[in-house]
Amino acid sequence: NDTNENNFAIELWKLLKDHLKIKVINDFYSTVDYELTSKKNPNCKIYLELKCRDPKWKNCKSFIIGKSKIDNINSKRLTPCILIWKFGELIYFKEYITELLTYKTEVIQKSKVIHIDKTECLSGIDNLVSTIQTLLEKVSSKS
């Protein structure tokens, strides 16, 4: 929900405020939840998509995300993008890769979803911060 997403943005901003600006995208139809912009290079952006889930699901073997979400990240070129699943204080994440477009789909509640195996993900806020910084450096070196 919006409160969890806004609290996540605040916590992330506290850890990265010297390096980037975080824009929370509150549009219901938006493909991603956050746009992160480097303070050193305003043309350097990365995106985050956050899924806040009930902590009771933290031990699942895979995480789901809507197939249309993955398609839209690709078609709108919102990359690099990090997909994040948050279960209370526990965080798992994976960088968007084009191979996600070919993952097997399943229909859940009339929507196509893909499963991302937990073993493909990294975990923890420290690893997330490190990944964000690494991606910003990569994007910055290209621009």
C-alpha atoms as a PDB file:
ATOM      1  CA  ASN A   1       0.000   0.000   0.000  1.00  0.00           C
ATOM      2  CA  ASP A   2       0.997   3.666  -0.306  1.00  0.00           C
ATOM      3  CA  THR A   3       2.074   4.011   3.335  1.00  0.00           C
ATOM      4  CA  ASN A   4       4.499   1.075   3.080  1.00  0.00           C
ATOM      5  CA  GLU A   5       5.852   2.389  -0.210  1.00  0.00           C
ATOM      6  CA  ASN A   6       6.335   5.910   1.131  1.00  0.00           C
ATOM      7  CA  ASN A   7       8.037   4.604   4.289  1.00  0.00           C
ATOM      8  CA  PHE A   8      10.338   2.476   2.141  1.00  0.00           C
ATOM      9  CA  ALA A   9      11.253   5.551   0.060  1.00  0.00           C
ATOM     10  CA  ILE A  10      12.063   7.522   3.206  1.00  0.00           C
ATOM     11  CA  GLU A  11      14.272   4.752   4.596  1.00  0.00           C
ATOM     12  CA  LEU A  12      16.061   4.353   1.278  1.00  0.00           C
ATOM     13  CA  TRP A  13      16.516   8.120   0.970  1.00  0.00           C
ATOM     14  CA  LYS A  14      18.136   8.244   4.432  1.00  0.00           C
ATOM     15  CA  LEU A  15      20.738   5.741   3.240  1.00  0.00           C
ATOM     16  CA  LEU A  16      21.354   7.288  -0.185  1.00  0.00           C
ATOM     17  CA  LYS A  17      20.516  11.004   0.191  1.00  0.00           C
ATOM     18  CA  ASP A  18      24.085  12.117  -0.483  1.00  0.00           C
ATOM     19  CA  HIS A  19      24.093  10.355  -3.854  1.00  0.00           C
ATOM     20  CA  LEU A  20      20.633  10.582  -5.373  1.00  0.00           C
ATOM     21  CA  LYS A  21      17.152  12.000  -5.433  1.00  0.00           C
ATOM     22  CA  ILE A  22      14.163   9.688  -5.076  1.00  0.00           C
ATOM     23  CA  LYS A  23      10.929  10.492  -6.845  1.00  0.00           C
ATOM     24  CA  VAL A  24       7.916   8.509  -5.656  1.00  0.00           C
ATOM     25  CA  ILE A  25       5.593   7.889  -8.591  1.00  0.00           C
ATOM     26  CA  ASN A  26       2.084   7.787  -7.159  1.00  0.00           C
ATOM     27  CA  ASP A  27       0.247   7.363 -10.461  1.00  0.00           C
ATOM     28  CA  PHE A  28      -1.963   4.265 -10.246  1.00  0.00           C
ATOM     29  CA  TYR A  29      -1.147   3.389 -13.869  1.00  0.00           C
ATOM     30  CA  SER A  30       2.597   3.858 -13.499  1.00  0.00           C
ATOM     31  CA  THR A  31       4.843   0.964 -14.414  1.00  0.00           C
ATOM     32  CA  VAL A  32       7.353   1.601 -11.598  1.00  0.00           C
ATOM     33  CA  ASP A  33       7.146   3.045  -8.089  1.00  0.00           C
ATOM     34  CA  TYR A  34      10.350   5.087  -7.906  1.00  0.00           C
ATOM     35  CA  GLU A  35      12.688   7.017 -10.148  1.00  0.00           C
ATOM     36  CA  LEU A  36      16.181   7.486  -8.704  1.00  0.00           C
ATOM     37  CA  THR A  37      18.313  10.259 -10.162  1.00  0.00           C
ATOM     38  CA  SER A  38      22.006  10.767  -9.518  1.00  0.00           C
ATOM     39  CA  LYS A  39      22.879  14.104  -7.913  1.00  0.00           C
ATOM     40  CA  LYS A  40      26.134  14.161  -9.904  1.00  0.00           C
ATOM     41  CA  ASN A  41      24.479  13.507 -13.249  1.00  0.00           C
ATOM     42  CA  PRO A  42      20.742  14.318 -13.609  1.00  0.00           C
ATOM     43  CA  ASN A  43      20.590  12.262 -16.813  1.00  0.00           C
ATOM     44  CA  CYS A  44      21.542   9.171 -14.828  1.00  0.00           C
ATOM     45  CA  LYS A  45      18.366   7.399 -13.689  1.00  0.00           C
ATOM     46  CA  ILE A  46      17.382   3.985 -12.455  1.00  0.00           C
ATOM     47  CA  TYR A  47      13.961   2.686 -11.482  1.00  0.00           C
ATOM     48  CA  LEU A  48      12.523   0.587  -8.680  1.00  0.00           C
ATOM     49  CA  GLU A  49       9.361  -1.491  -8.587  1.00  0.00           C
ATOM     50  CA  LEU A  50       8.296  -2.403  -5.045  1.00  0.00           C
ATOM     51  CA  LYS A  51       5.927  -5.172  -4.036  1.00  0.00           C
ATOM     52  CA  CYS A  52       5.024  -5.033  -0.329  1.00  0.00           C
ATOM     53  CA  ARG A  53       3.779  -8.434   0.752  1.00  0.00           C
ATOM     54  CA  ASP A  54       2.443  -9.959   3.929  1.00  0.00           C
ATOM     55  CA  PRO A  55       5.380 -11.330   5.978  1.00  0.00           C
ATOM     56  CA  LYS A  56       3.640 -14.735   6.117  1.00  0.00           C
ATOM     57  CA  TRP A  57       4.735 -15.238   2.470  1.00  0.00           C
ATOM     58  CA  LYS A  58       8.458 -14.631   3.110  1.00  0.00           C
ATOM     59  CA  ASN A  59       9.308 -18.344   2.952  1.00  0.00           C
ATOM     60  CA  CYS A  60       7.903 -18.894  -0.548  1.00  0.00           C
ATOM     61  CA  LYS A  61      10.275 -20.450  -3.077  1.00  0.00           C
ATOM     62  CA  SER A  62       9.417 -17.866  -5.717  1.00  0.00           C
ATOM     63  CA  PHE A  63       7.996 -14.371  -6.001  1.00  0.00           C
ATOM     64  CA  ILE A  64       5.406 -13.271  -8.517  1.00  0.00           C
ATOM     65  CA  ILE A  65       5.127 -10.160 -10.609  1.00  0.00           C
ATOM     66  CA  GLY A  66       2.619  -9.281 -13.281  1.00  0.00           C
ATOM     67  CA  LYS A  67       3.641 -10.171 -16.816  1.00  0.00           C
ATOM     68  CA  SER A  68       2.241  -6.823 -18.002  1.00  0.00           C
ATOM     69  CA  LYS A  69       4.534  -5.065 -15.502  1.00  0.00           C
ATOM     70  CA  ILE A  70       7.574  -6.775 -17.036  1.00  0.00           C
ATOM     71  CA  ASP A  71       6.315  -6.050 -20.566  1.00  0.00           C
ATOM     72  CA  ASN A  72       5.825  -2.357 -19.700  1.00  0.00           C
ATOM     73  CA  ILE A  73       9.258  -1.966 -18.096  1.00  0.00           C
ATOM     74  CA  ASN A  74      10.680  -3.304 -21.345  1.00  0.00           C
ATOM     75  CA  SER A  75       8.521  -1.344 -23.792  1.00  0.00           C
ATOM     76  CA  LYS A  76       8.901   1.962 -21.912  1.00  0.00           C
ATOM     77  CA  ARG A  77      12.647   1.349 -21.516  1.00  0.00           C
ATOM     78  CA  LEU A  78      12.520   1.894 -17.749  1.00  0.00           C
ATOM     79  CA  THR A  79      15.912   0.327 -17.237  1.00  0.00           C
ATOM     80  CA  PRO A  80      17.943  -0.302 -15.312  1.00  0.00           C
ATOM     81  CA  CYS A  81      15.182  -1.359 -12.968  1.00  0.00           C
ATOM     82  CA  ILE A  82      15.269  -3.283  -9.713  1.00  0.00           C
ATOM     83  CA  LEU A  83      12.291  -5.452  -8.777  1.00  0.00           C
ATOM     84  CA  ILE A  84      11.841  -5.537  -4.999  1.00  0.00           C
ATOM     85  CA  TRP A  85       9.702  -7.734  -2.761  1.00  0.00           C
ATOM     86  CA  LYS A  86       9.361  -6.524   0.826  1.00  0.00           C
ATOM     87  CA  PHE A  87       7.995  -8.770   3.568  1.00  0.00           C
ATOM     88  CA  GLY A  88       7.934  -6.579   6.683  1.00  0.00           C
ATOM     89  CA  GLU A  89      11.612  -5.835   7.275  1.00  0.00           C
ATOM     90  CA  LEU A  90      12.828  -8.581   4.923  1.00  0.00           C
ATOM     91  CA  ILE A  91      13.770  -7.492   1.392  1.00  0.00           C
ATOM     92  CA  TYR A  92      14.487  -9.549  -1.726  1.00  0.00           C
ATOM     93  CA  PHE A  93      15.331  -8.021  -5.077  1.00  0.00           C
ATOM     94  CA  LYS A  94      16.416  -8.748  -8.619  1.00  0.00           C
ATOM     95  CA  GLU A  95      17.600  -6.508 -11.403  1.00  0.00           C
ATOM     96  CA  TYR A  96      15.284  -6.522 -14.394  1.00  0.00           C
ATOM     97  CA  ILE A  97      16.747  -8.517 -17.285  1.00  0.00           C
ATOM     98  CA  THR A  98      15.205  -8.968 -20.733  1.00  0.00           C
ATOM     99  CA  GLU A  99      15.143 -12.733 -20.184  1.00  0.00           C
ATOM    100  CA  LEU A 100      12.219 -12.136 -17.803  1.00  0.00           C
ATOM    101  CA  LEU A 101      10.118 -11.610 -20.930  1.00  0.00           C
ATOM    102  CA  THR A 102      10.566 -15.312 -21.729  1.00  0.00           C
ATOM    103  CA  TYR A 103       9.789 -16.686 -18.259  1.00  0.00           C
ATOM    104  CA  LYS A 104       6.875 -19.092 -18.068  1.00  0.00           C
ATOM    105  CA  THR A 105       3.586 -17.393 -17.205  1.00  0.00           C
ATOM    106  CA  GLU A 106       0.681 -18.529 -15.091  1.00  0.00           C
ATOM    107  CA  VAL A 107      -2.756 -16.987 -14.590  1.00  0.00           C
ATOM    108  CA  ILE A 108      -3.614 -15.938 -11.041  1.00  0.00           C
ATOM    109  CA  GLN A 109      -6.860 -14.065 -10.400  1.00  0.00           C
ATOM    110  CA  LYS A 110      -7.341 -13.493 -14.155  1.00  0.00           C
ATOM    111  CA  SER A 111      -3.902 -11.910 -14.600  1.00  0.00           C
ATOM    112  CA  LYS A 112      -0.770 -13.335 -16.176  1.00  0.00           C
ATOM    113  CA  VAL A 113       2.142 -13.479 -13.743  1.00  0.00           C
ATOM    114  CA  ILE A 114       5.658 -14.805 -13.828  1.00  0.00           C
ATOM    115  CA  HIS A 115       7.466 -16.528 -10.996  1.00  0.00           C
ATOM    116  CA  ILE A 116      10.973 -15.448 -10.104  1.00  0.00           C
ATOM    117  CA  ASP A 117      12.812 -18.058  -8.108  1.00  0.00           C
ATOM    118  CA  LYS A 118      14.046 -16.841  -4.746  1.00  0.00           C
ATOM    119  CA  THR A 119      17.510 -18.216  -5.563  1.00  0.00           C
ATOM    120  CA  GLU A 120      17.763 -15.637  -8.393  1.00  0.00           C
ATOM    121  CA  CYS A 121      17.336 -12.796  -5.912  1.00  0.00           C
ATOM    122  CA  LEU A 122      19.625 -10.964  -3.552  1.00  0.00           C
ATOM    123  CA  SER A 123      18.421  -9.916  -0.116  1.00  0.00           C
ATOM    124  CA  GLY A 124      18.818  -7.193   2.475  1.00  0.00           C
ATOM    125  CA  ILE A 125      18.809  -3.423   2.446  1.00  0.00           C
ATOM    126  CA  ASP A 126      22.629  -3.205   2.442  1.00  0.00           C
ATOM    127  CA  ASN A 127      22.856  -5.319  -0.722  1.00  0.00           C
ATOM    128  CA  LEU A 128      20.066  -3.256  -2.279  1.00  0.00           C
ATOM    129  CA  VAL A 129      21.902   0.009  -1.548  1.00  0.00           C
ATOM    130  CA  SER A 130      25.102  -1.449  -2.988  1.00  0.00           C
ATOM    131  CA  THR A 131      23.275  -2.623  -6.128  1.00  0.00           C
ATOM    132  CA  ILE A 132      21.678   0.801  -6.595  1.00  0.00           C
ATOM    133  CA  GLN A 133      25.064   2.501  -6.290  1.00  0.00           C
ATOM    134  CA  THR A 134      26.654   0.059  -8.752  1.00  0.00           C
ATOM    135  CA  LEU A 135      23.860   0.570 -11.296  1.00  0.00           C
ATOM    136  CA  LEU A 136      24.102   4.360 -10.969  1.00  0.00           C
ATOM    137  CA  GLU A 137      27.829   4.155 -11.649  1.00  0.00           C
ATOM    138  CA  LYS A 138      27.232   1.932 -14.717  1.00  0.00           C
ATOM    139  CA  VAL A 139      24.584   4.273 -16.124  1.00  0.00           C
ATOM    140  CA  SER A 140      26.735   7.312 -15.355  1.00  0.00           C
ATOM    141  CA  SER A 141      29.705   5.848 -17.215  1.00  0.00           C
ATOM    142  CA  LYS A 142      27.506   5.343 -20.313  1.00  0.00           C
ATOM    143  CA  SER A 143      26.138   8.902 -20.380  1.00  0.00           C
END
